[in-house]
Amino acid sequence: MESHVSSPASGQLHKPKHKGSARLFENPLLERMTHTHIAAPLSIFFGVAAVSLYYGLSQGLLTGLSAFGLFLAGWFGFTLVEYLMHRFLYHMKADSPRKAKFQYTMHGVHHEFPKDKTRLAMPPILTVFVTSLLFFIFRFVFGNAGFGVLAGFVFGYALYLFVHYAIHVYAPPKNFLKFWWHHHAMHHYRQDEVAFGVSTTIWDHIVGTMPDRKPATK
């Protein structure tokens, strides 16, 4: 099956385009804020992960062993959030004009222009907002342990962004990593109702949304 996305303006289906970029907002400032260089969010997320771990350890809020375990728990938790958001939020059923607009702005535009590398990550202002929100949530829920969980979670987020960017920008490598390229290509070009994992396929295996073993064509 070949993947298509629906434009909120026309309601028509479009094949993926490998050149160009869609305009999402008439306001030039809002439109500019939808584009970013991948280095910006990666620096923020990796930086927050490092600072969170350092602060927790240096202030005696975490021990080395607990920090390691909490970091892994946060990272693993992110992989589940990544899967659930991709499957149920980014690919929500667009059964109303408002939902169609939201879905297209959040993710549909990426399916229509998968090679637009300036829209492969959220802009810095949203990255800062998300990390701040996550800090308060994890601190409230987990207390001091939240520093370790936050570090693992945002590290997982950064890793997801890096893998996703590499898959869309660079040619598949001639080694075992090629599997990630093929897995995501299946989602974009053949079976967009499966293969929701990007940084890992573990939840596709567990839930049963692995794609058929057919080569994806570009």
Protein backbone atom coordinates (compact mmCIF):
# COMPACT_ATOMS: atom_id res chain seq x y z
CA MET A 1 0.00 0.00 0.00
CA GLU A 2 1.37 3.41 -0.87
CA SER A 3 1.18 6.05 1.82
CA HIS A 4 -0.69 9.28 1.22
CA VAL A 5 -1.58 12.23 3.41
CA SER A 6 -4.57 14.51 3.34
CA SER A 7 -4.19 18.25 3.04
CA PRO A 8 -6.49 20.15 5.41
CA ALA A 9 -7.06 22.82 2.81
CA SER A 10 -8.22 20.62 -0.05
CA GLY A 11 -9.08 17.32 1.60
CA GLN A 12 -7.32 15.61 -1.31
CA LEU A 13 -4.73 12.86 -1.02
CA HIS A 14 -1.14 13.59 -1.91
CA LYS A 15 1.80 11.35 -2.66
CA PRO A 16 5.00 12.04 -0.73
CA LYS A 17 7.10 14.77 -2.35
CA HIS A 18 10.89 14.66 -2.04
CA LYS A 19 11.43 18.33 -2.81
CA GLY A 20 10.00 21.52 -1.40
CA SER A 21 8.22 22.41 1.83
CA ALA A 22 4.64 23.16 2.80
CA ARG A 23 3.56 26.52 4.22
CA LEU A 24 1.62 25.93 7.44
CA PHE A 25 0.96 29.49 8.63
CA GLU A 26 0.32 32.79 6.86
CA ASN A 27 2.05 34.67 9.66
CA PRO A 28 5.76 34.74 8.70
CA LEU A 29 6.93 34.54 12.34
CA LEU A 30 4.80 31.48 13.10
CA GLU A 31 5.87 29.91 9.82
CA ARG A 32 9.54 30.50 10.61
CA MET A 33 9.09 28.89 14.01
CA THR A 34 7.98 25.62 12.38
CA HIS A 35 11.47 25.16 10.93
CA THR A 36 14.64 24.35 12.85
CA HIS A 37 18.12 22.93 12.46
CA ILE A 38 18.36 19.53 14.10
CA ALA A 39 21.36 20.66 16.20
CA ALA A 40 19.20 23.01 18.28
CA PRO A 41 16.77 20.49 19.86
CA LEU A 42 19.50 17.84 20.10
CA SER A 43 21.74 20.22 22.06
CA ILE A 44 18.91 21.15 24.40
CA PHE A 45 17.80 17.58 25.11
CA PHE A 46 21.31 16.16 25.53
CA GLY A 47 22.24 19.16 27.67
CA VAL A 48 19.20 18.76 29.93
CA ALA A 49 19.95 15.04 30.34
CA ALA A 50 23.55 15.76 31.37
CA VAL A 51 22.65 18.61 33.74
CA SER A 52 19.83 16.64 35.34
CA LEU A 53 22.11 13.68 36.09
CA TYR A 54 24.95 15.90 37.28
CA TYR A 55 22.72 17.88 39.61
CA GLY A 56 21.07 14.79 41.06
CA LEU A 57 24.42 13.13 41.72
CA SER A 58 26.35 16.20 42.88
CA GLN A 59 23.63 17.20 45.35
CA GLY A 60 23.36 13.71 46.79
CA LEU A 61 19.81 13.27 45.49
CA LEU A 62 20.82 10.17 43.52
CA THR A 63 23.41 7.45 43.97
CA GLY A 64 25.38 6.10 41.04
CA LEU A 65 23.43 2.85 40.87
CA SER A 66 20.03 4.44 41.31
CA ALA A 67 20.84 7.11 38.72
CA PHE A 68 21.75 4.42 36.21
CA GLY A 69 18.54 2.46 36.86
CA LEU A 70 16.32 5.55 36.75
CA PHE A 71 18.04 6.70 33.56
CA LEU A 72 17.28 3.37 31.87
CA ALA A 73 13.69 3.48 33.17
CA GLY A 74 13.20 6.98 31.75
CA TRP A 75 14.72 5.95 28.42
CA PHE A 76 12.52 2.85 28.22
CA GLY A 77 9.48 4.93 29.18
CA PHE A 78 10.20 7.30 26.32
CA THR A 79 10.16 4.47 23.77
CA LEU A 80 6.59 3.66 24.83
CA VAL A 81 5.54 7.33 24.67
CA GLU A 82 7.17 7.61 21.24
CA TYR A 83 5.14 4.66 19.97
CA LEU A 84 1.83 5.76 21.50
CA MET A 85 2.11 9.36 20.29
CA HIS A 86 3.09 8.32 16.78
CA ARG A 87 0.31 5.80 16.50
CA PHE A 88 -2.60 7.47 18.29
CA LEU A 89 -1.87 11.22 18.14
CA TYR A 90 0.12 11.77 14.96
CA HIS A 91 -2.01 9.25 13.06
CA MET A 92 -5.31 10.11 14.70
CA LYS A 93 -8.44 9.70 12.60
CA ALA A 94 -8.99 13.07 10.90
CA ASP A 95 -12.79 12.89 10.86
CA SER A 96 -13.39 16.64 11.18
CA PRO A 97 -11.79 19.75 9.62
CA ARG A 98 -10.25 20.72 12.95
CA LYS A 99 -8.73 17.28 13.49
CA ALA A 100 -7.52 17.21 9.89
CA LYS A 101 -5.78 20.56 10.33
CA PHE A 102 -4.21 19.46 13.60
CA GLN A 103 -3.05 16.11 12.23
CA TYR A 104 -1.59 17.67 9.10
CA THR A 105 0.25 20.39 11.03
CA MET A 106 1.63 17.94 13.61
CA HIS A 107 2.58 15.06 11.31
CA GLY A 108 0.78 14.91 7.97
CA VAL A 109 3.05 17.56 6.51
CA HIS A 110 6.01 15.31 7.32
CA HIS A 111 4.45 12.47 5.35
CA GLU A 112 3.84 14.78 2.40
CA PHE A 113 7.36 16.27 2.52
CA PRO A 114 9.46 13.54 4.22
CA LYS A 115 12.76 15.02 2.99
CA ASP A 116 12.16 18.48 4.49
CA LYS A 117 14.96 18.29 7.04
CA THR A 118 13.99 21.58 8.72
CA ARG A 119 10.78 19.96 9.96
CA LEU A 120 12.21 16.78 11.44
CA ALA A 121 12.20 18.21 14.99
CA MET A 122 10.33 20.75 17.07
CA PRO A 123 11.73 24.32 17.15
CA PRO A 124 13.85 25.41 20.15
CA ILE A 125 11.10 27.39 21.88
CA LEU A 126 8.88 24.30 21.99
CA THR A 127 11.82 22.12 23.01
CA VAL A 128 12.45 24.35 26.04
CA PHE A 129 8.74 24.32 26.91
CA VAL A 130 8.54 20.52 26.66
CA THR A 131 11.66 19.93 28.77
CA SER A 132 10.40 22.38 31.42
CA LEU A 133 7.01 20.67 31.52
CA LEU A 134 8.64 17.24 31.78
CA PHE A 135 10.85 18.44 34.64
CA PHE A 136 7.89 19.62 36.72
CA ILE A 137 5.89 16.47 35.96
CA PHE A 138 8.71 14.06 36.83
CA ARG A 139 9.75 16.08 39.90
CA PHE A 140 6.17 16.07 41.18
CA VAL A 141 5.55 12.38 40.47
CA PHE A 142 8.95 10.86 41.35
CA GLY A 143 10.48 13.39 43.72
CA ASN A 144 14.30 13.35 43.69
CA ALA A 145 14.22 10.27 41.46
CA GLY A 146 12.73 12.52 38.80
CA PHE A 147 16.20 13.84 37.98
CA GLY A 148 17.26 10.39 36.82
CA VAL A 149 13.99 9.64 35.02
CA LEU A 150 14.06 13.01 33.26
CA ALA A 151 17.64 12.44 32.09
CA GLY A 152 16.77 9.09 30.54
CA PHE A 153 13.54 10.34 29.01
CA VAL A 154 15.01 13.38 27.26
CA PHE A 155 18.06 11.34 26.22
CA GLY A 156 15.63 8.93 24.56
CA TYR A 157 13.90 11.88 22.92
CA ALA A 158 17.21 13.20 21.58
CA LEU A 159 18.17 9.76 20.31
CA TYR A 160 14.81 9.45 18.55
CA LEU A 161 15.34 12.83 16.86
CA PHE A 162 18.85 11.86 15.77
CA VAL A 163 17.76 8.49 14.36
CA HIS A 164 14.74 10.02 12.61
CA TYR A 165 16.86 12.77 11.08
CA ALA A 166 19.53 10.32 9.90
CA ILE A 167 16.94 8.04 8.32
CA HIS A 168 15.42 10.87 6.27
CA VAL A 169 18.59 12.76 5.35
CA TYR A 170 21.24 10.08 4.77
CA ALA A 171 21.36 7.01 2.55
CA PRO A 172 20.94 3.64 4.31
CA PRO A 173 24.26 2.30 5.63
CA LYS A 174 25.61 -1.04 4.43
CA ASN A 175 25.49 -2.68 7.83
CA PHE A 176 23.01 -3.85 10.47
CA LEU A 177 21.71 -0.29 10.95
CA LYS A 178 20.09 -0.50 7.52
CA PHE A 179 17.16 -2.25 9.23
CA TRP A 180 16.01 1.08 10.78
CA TRP A 181 15.96 2.75 7.37
CA HIS A 182 13.84 -0.01 5.84
CA HIS A 183 11.48 -0.14 8.82
CA HIS A 184 10.69 3.57 8.64
CA ALA A 185 10.55 3.53 4.83
CA MET A 186 7.80 0.93 5.06
CA HIS A 187 5.81 3.32 7.26
CA HIS A 188 6.23 6.22 4.84
CA TYR A 189 5.89 4.53 1.49
CA ARG A 190 3.91 1.30 1.85
CA GLN A 191 2.11 0.70 5.15
CA ASP A 192 1.50 3.89 7.13
CA GLU A 193 -0.82 2.04 9.50
CA VAL A 194 2.08 0.02 10.95
CA ALA A 195 5.80 0.48 11.83
CA PHE A 196 5.28 3.32 14.32
CA GLY A 197 8.55 2.82 16.19
CA VAL A 198 11.48 4.93 15.03
CA SER A 199 14.26 4.73 17.61
CA THR A 200 13.29 1.13 18.41
CA THR A 201 10.92 -1.47 17.00
CA ILE A 202 10.30 -3.17 20.35
CA TRP A 203 6.72 -1.90 20.71
CA ASP A 204 5.86 -2.78 17.11
CA HIS A 205 6.91 -6.33 17.97
CA ILE A 206 5.00 -6.39 21.26
CA VAL A 207 1.78 -4.78 19.99
CA GLY A 208 1.84 -6.50 16.59
CA THR A 209 2.34 -3.57 14.24
CA MET A 210 5.45 -4.78 12.45
CA PRO A 211 5.16 -4.31 8.67
CA ASP A 212 5.02 -7.10 6.14
CA ARG A 213 8.44 -8.21 4.98
CA LYS A 214 8.29 -6.52 1.59
CA PRO A 215 10.90 -4.09 0.26
CA ALA A 216 9.85 -0.45 0.33
CA THR A 217 10.15 1.52 -2.91
CA LYS A 218 11.03 5.19 -3.01
